[in-house]
Amino acid sequence: MAKNLIPLNQLPIGSFGKVKRLTAEGISRRRMLDLGLIFNTTVESLRKSPAGDPIAYEIRGAVIALRSEEASKIYVEVI
């Protein structure tokens, strides 16, 4: 795996990343693809919940909350 790829859940709040790899399988993978998390999609990390999980992301104009477990299966390149 490339050095500059990080899991989405490690993207700092206020930062942007481009989706480069999706390691989820089955229904979880299908859900992520349906949400628009496809190759080269820009994602912004917006805010964490008070407990730290889930985290809100802006994806293609929509705000989506993903649990850390789900977001860890999406690898992004920080931009």
N, C-alpha and C. Protein backbone atom coordinates (compact mmCIF):
# COMPACT_ATOMS: atom_id res chain seq x y z
N MET A 1 0.84 -1.18 0.00
CA MET A 1 0.00 0.00 0.00
C MET A 1 0.89 1.24 0.00
N ALA A 2 0.49 2.25 -0.71
CA ALA A 2 1.27 3.49 -0.81
C ALA A 2 1.40 4.16 0.56
N LYS A 3 2.53 4.83 0.74
CA LYS A 3 2.83 5.48 2.02
C LYS A 3 1.87 6.62 2.34
N ASN A 4 1.38 7.31 1.31
CA ASN A 4 0.56 8.50 1.54
C ASN A 4 -0.92 8.20 1.71
N LEU A 5 -1.31 6.94 1.79
CA LEU A 5 -2.71 6.58 2.01
C LEU A 5 -2.95 6.34 3.50
N ILE A 6 -4.05 6.89 4.00
CA ILE A 6 -4.42 6.69 5.40
C ILE A 6 -5.88 6.26 5.45
N PRO A 7 -6.28 5.54 6.51
CA PRO A 7 -7.69 5.22 6.66
C PRO A 7 -8.49 6.50 6.88
N LEU A 8 -9.70 6.54 6.38
CA LEU A 8 -10.54 7.73 6.49
C LEU A 8 -10.74 8.16 7.95
N ASN A 9 -10.83 7.21 8.87
CA ASN A 9 -11.05 7.58 10.27
C ASN A 9 -9.85 8.31 10.88
N GLN A 10 -8.69 8.33 10.21
CA GLN A 10 -7.51 9.04 10.70
C GLN A 10 -7.33 10.39 10.01
N LEU A 11 -8.23 10.74 9.10
CA LEU A 11 -8.17 12.04 8.42
C LEU A 11 -8.50 13.13 9.44
N PRO A 12 -7.59 14.10 9.63
CA PRO A 12 -7.86 15.15 10.63
C PRO A 12 -9.12 15.95 10.30
N ILE A 13 -9.81 16.40 11.35
CA ILE A 13 -11.01 17.22 11.17
C ILE A 13 -10.64 18.48 10.40
N GLY A 14 -11.46 18.82 9.40
CA GLY A 14 -11.20 20.00 8.56
C GLY A 14 -10.34 19.71 7.36
N SER A 15 -9.86 18.47 7.22
CA SER A 15 -9.01 18.09 6.09
C SER A 15 -9.81 17.41 4.99
N PHE A 16 -9.20 17.38 3.82
CA PHE A 16 -9.81 16.74 2.65
C PHE A 16 -8.97 15.53 2.24
N GLY A 17 -9.64 14.55 1.69
CA GLY A 17 -8.95 13.39 1.15
C GLY A 17 -9.67 12.89 -0.08
N LYS A 18 -8.93 12.16 -0.93
CA LYS A 18 -9.53 11.54 -2.11
C LYS A 18 -9.53 10.04 -1.90
N VAL A 19 -10.67 9.42 -2.13
CA VAL A 19 -10.80 7.97 -1.96
C VAL A 19 -9.91 7.28 -2.98
N LYS A 20 -9.05 6.38 -2.49
CA LYS A 20 -8.15 5.64 -3.37
C LYS A 20 -8.34 4.13 -3.28
N ARG A 21 -8.87 3.65 -2.15
CA ARG A 21 -9.02 2.21 -1.99
C ARG A 21 -10.14 1.91 -1.01
N LEU A 22 -10.89 0.85 -1.27
CA LEU A 22 -11.99 0.43 -0.42
C LEU A 22 -11.78 -1.05 -0.10
N THR A 23 -11.57 -1.37 1.17
CA THR A 23 -11.28 -2.76 1.54
C THR A 23 -12.48 -3.50 2.13
N ALA A 24 -13.59 -2.81 2.28
CA ALA A 24 -14.81 -3.44 2.82
C ALA A 24 -15.32 -4.48 1.82
N GLU A 25 -16.08 -5.45 2.34
CA GLU A 25 -16.64 -6.49 1.50
C GLU A 25 -18.14 -6.64 1.75
N GLY A 26 -18.81 -7.26 0.82
CA GLY A 26 -20.21 -7.60 0.98
C GLY A 26 -21.14 -6.40 1.03
N ILE A 27 -22.11 -6.47 1.92
CA ILE A 27 -23.14 -5.44 2.04
C ILE A 27 -22.52 -4.10 2.46
N SER A 28 -21.53 -4.16 3.32
CA SER A 28 -20.85 -2.94 3.77
C SER A 28 -20.21 -2.21 2.59
N ARG A 29 -19.55 -2.95 1.70
CA ARG A 29 -18.93 -2.37 0.51
C ARG A 29 -20.00 -1.74 -0.39
N ARG A 30 -21.08 -2.46 -0.60
CA ARG A 30 -22.17 -1.96 -1.45
C ARG A 30 -22.73 -0.66 -0.89
N ARG A 31 -22.91 -0.58 0.43
CA ARG A 31 -23.44 0.62 1.07
C ARG A 31 -22.50 1.81 0.85
N MET A 32 -21.21 1.57 1.01
CA MET A 32 -20.24 2.65 0.82
C MET A 32 -20.23 3.15 -0.63
N LEU A 33 -20.31 2.23 -1.55
CA LEU A 33 -20.36 2.62 -2.97
C LEU A 33 -21.64 3.40 -3.26
N ASP A 34 -22.75 2.97 -2.68
CA ASP A 34 -24.03 3.66 -2.85
C ASP A 34 -24.01 5.07 -2.26
N LEU A 35 -23.21 5.27 -1.21
CA LEU A 35 -23.07 6.60 -0.60
C LEU A 35 -22.19 7.52 -1.44
N GLY A 36 -21.56 6.98 -2.47
CA GLY A 36 -20.72 7.80 -3.35
C GLY A 36 -19.24 7.70 -3.05
N LEU A 37 -18.85 6.75 -2.24
CA LEU A 37 -17.43 6.58 -1.90
C LEU A 37 -16.74 5.73 -2.96
N ILE A 38 -16.57 6.33 -4.13
CA ILE A 38 -15.92 5.65 -5.24
C ILE A 38 -14.56 6.31 -5.50
N PHE A 39 -13.74 5.67 -6.31
CA PHE A 39 -12.38 6.14 -6.59
C PHE A 39 -12.35 7.62 -6.97
N ASN A 40 -11.45 8.35 -6.35
CA ASN A 40 -11.19 9.78 -6.58
C ASN A 40 -12.28 10.72 -6.07
N THR A 41 -13.23 10.23 -5.29
CA THR A 41 -14.23 11.11 -4.68
C THR A 41 -13.57 11.90 -3.56
N THR A 42 -13.82 13.21 -3.52
CA THR A 42 -13.27 14.05 -2.46
C THR A 42 -14.17 13.98 -1.23
N VAL A 43 -13.54 13.78 -0.07
CA VAL A 43 -14.24 13.66 1.20
C VAL A 43 -13.64 14.68 2.17
N GLU A 44 -14.51 15.39 2.90
CA GLU A 44 -14.04 16.31 3.93
C GLU A 44 -14.47 15.77 5.29
N SER A 45 -13.53 15.74 6.22
CA SER A 45 -13.83 15.34 7.60
C SER A 45 -14.36 16.57 8.32
N LEU A 46 -15.62 16.53 8.76
CA LEU A 46 -16.27 17.71 9.33
C LEU A 46 -16.16 17.81 10.84
N ARG A 47 -16.65 16.78 11.55
CA ARG A 47 -16.65 16.86 13.02
C ARG A 47 -16.86 15.48 13.62
N LYS A 48 -16.41 15.36 14.86
CA LYS A 48 -16.61 14.12 15.62
C LYS A 48 -17.77 14.30 16.56
N SER A 49 -18.43 13.21 16.89
CA SER A 49 -19.47 13.28 17.91
C SER A 49 -18.79 13.49 19.26
N PRO A 50 -19.52 13.90 20.28
CA PRO A 50 -18.92 14.12 21.60
C PRO A 50 -18.15 12.91 22.14
N ALA A 51 -18.61 11.72 21.81
CA ALA A 51 -17.92 10.50 22.26
C ALA A 51 -16.77 10.12 21.33
N GLY A 52 -16.64 10.81 20.19
CA GLY A 52 -15.56 10.53 19.25
C GLY A 52 -15.91 9.59 18.12
N ASP A 53 -17.05 8.94 18.20
CA ASP A 53 -17.46 7.99 17.17
C ASP A 53 -18.98 8.02 17.09
N PRO A 54 -19.63 8.29 15.99
CA PRO A 54 -19.10 8.38 14.63
C PRO A 54 -18.52 9.76 14.29
N ILE A 55 -18.00 9.84 13.07
CA ILE A 55 -17.45 11.09 12.54
C ILE A 55 -18.29 11.48 11.34
N ALA A 56 -18.56 12.78 11.21
CA ALA A 56 -19.35 13.30 10.08
C ALA A 56 -18.40 13.68 8.94
N TYR A 57 -18.75 13.27 7.74
CA TYR A 57 -17.97 13.57 6.53
C TYR A 57 -18.89 14.18 5.49
N GLU A 58 -18.34 15.08 4.69
CA GLU A 58 -19.09 15.59 3.54
C GLU A 58 -18.62 14.83 2.31
N ILE A 59 -19.59 14.17 1.66
CA ILE A 59 -19.30 13.35 0.49
C ILE A 59 -20.27 13.76 -0.61
N ARG A 60 -19.76 14.34 -1.68
CA ARG A 60 -20.59 14.75 -2.82
C ARG A 60 -21.77 15.62 -2.41
N GLY A 61 -21.53 16.57 -1.49
CA GLY A 61 -22.55 17.52 -1.08
C GLY A 61 -23.47 17.05 0.03
N ALA A 62 -23.33 15.81 0.47
CA ALA A 62 -24.16 15.28 1.55
C ALA A 62 -23.30 15.04 2.78
N VAL A 63 -23.86 15.23 3.96
CA VAL A 63 -23.16 14.95 5.20
C VAL A 63 -23.54 13.55 5.66
N ILE A 64 -22.53 12.71 5.83
CA ILE A 64 -22.73 11.30 6.18
C ILE A 64 -21.93 11.01 7.45
N ALA A 65 -22.53 10.31 8.40
CA ALA A 65 -21.82 9.89 9.61
C ALA A 65 -21.41 8.43 9.44
N LEU A 66 -20.12 8.17 9.65
CA LEU A 66 -19.60 6.81 9.56
C LEU A 66 -18.94 6.44 10.88
N ARG A 67 -19.17 5.22 11.32
CA ARG A 67 -18.47 4.72 12.50
C ARG A 67 -17.01 4.50 12.14
N SER A 68 -16.17 4.55 13.14
CA SER A 68 -14.74 4.38 12.94
C SER A 68 -14.43 3.03 12.28
N GLU A 69 -15.16 2.01 12.67
CA GLU A 69 -14.96 0.67 12.10
C GLU A 69 -15.20 0.67 10.59
N GLU A 70 -16.23 1.38 10.13
CA GLU A 70 -16.52 1.47 8.69
C GLU A 70 -15.49 2.33 7.98
N ALA A 71 -15.19 3.49 8.57
CA ALA A 71 -14.28 4.45 7.94
C ALA A 71 -12.86 3.90 7.83
N SER A 72 -12.50 2.96 8.70
CA SER A 72 -11.14 2.40 8.66
C SER A 72 -10.92 1.53 7.42
N LYS A 73 -11.99 1.18 6.72
CA LYS A 73 -11.89 0.35 5.53
C LYS A 73 -11.85 1.16 4.24
N ILE A 74 -11.80 2.49 4.39
CA ILE A 74 -11.73 3.40 3.25
C ILE A 74 -10.38 4.11 3.33
N TYR A 75 -9.57 3.95 2.32
CA TYR A 75 -8.25 4.58 2.33
C TYR A 75 -8.26 5.79 1.42
N VAL A 76 -7.74 6.91 1.96
CA VAL A 76 -7.75 8.18 1.23
C VAL A 76 -6.34 8.74 1.14
N GLU A 77 -6.16 9.57 0.13
CA GLU A 77 -4.93 10.33 -0.04
C GLU A 77 -5.23 11.76 0.44
N VAL A 78 -4.48 12.25 1.40
CA VAL A 78 -4.71 13.59 1.93
C VAL A 78 -4.38 14.62 0.86
N ILE A 79 -5.30 15.60 0.67
CA ILE A 79 -5.06 16.66 -0.32
C ILE A 79 -5.13 18.01 0.35
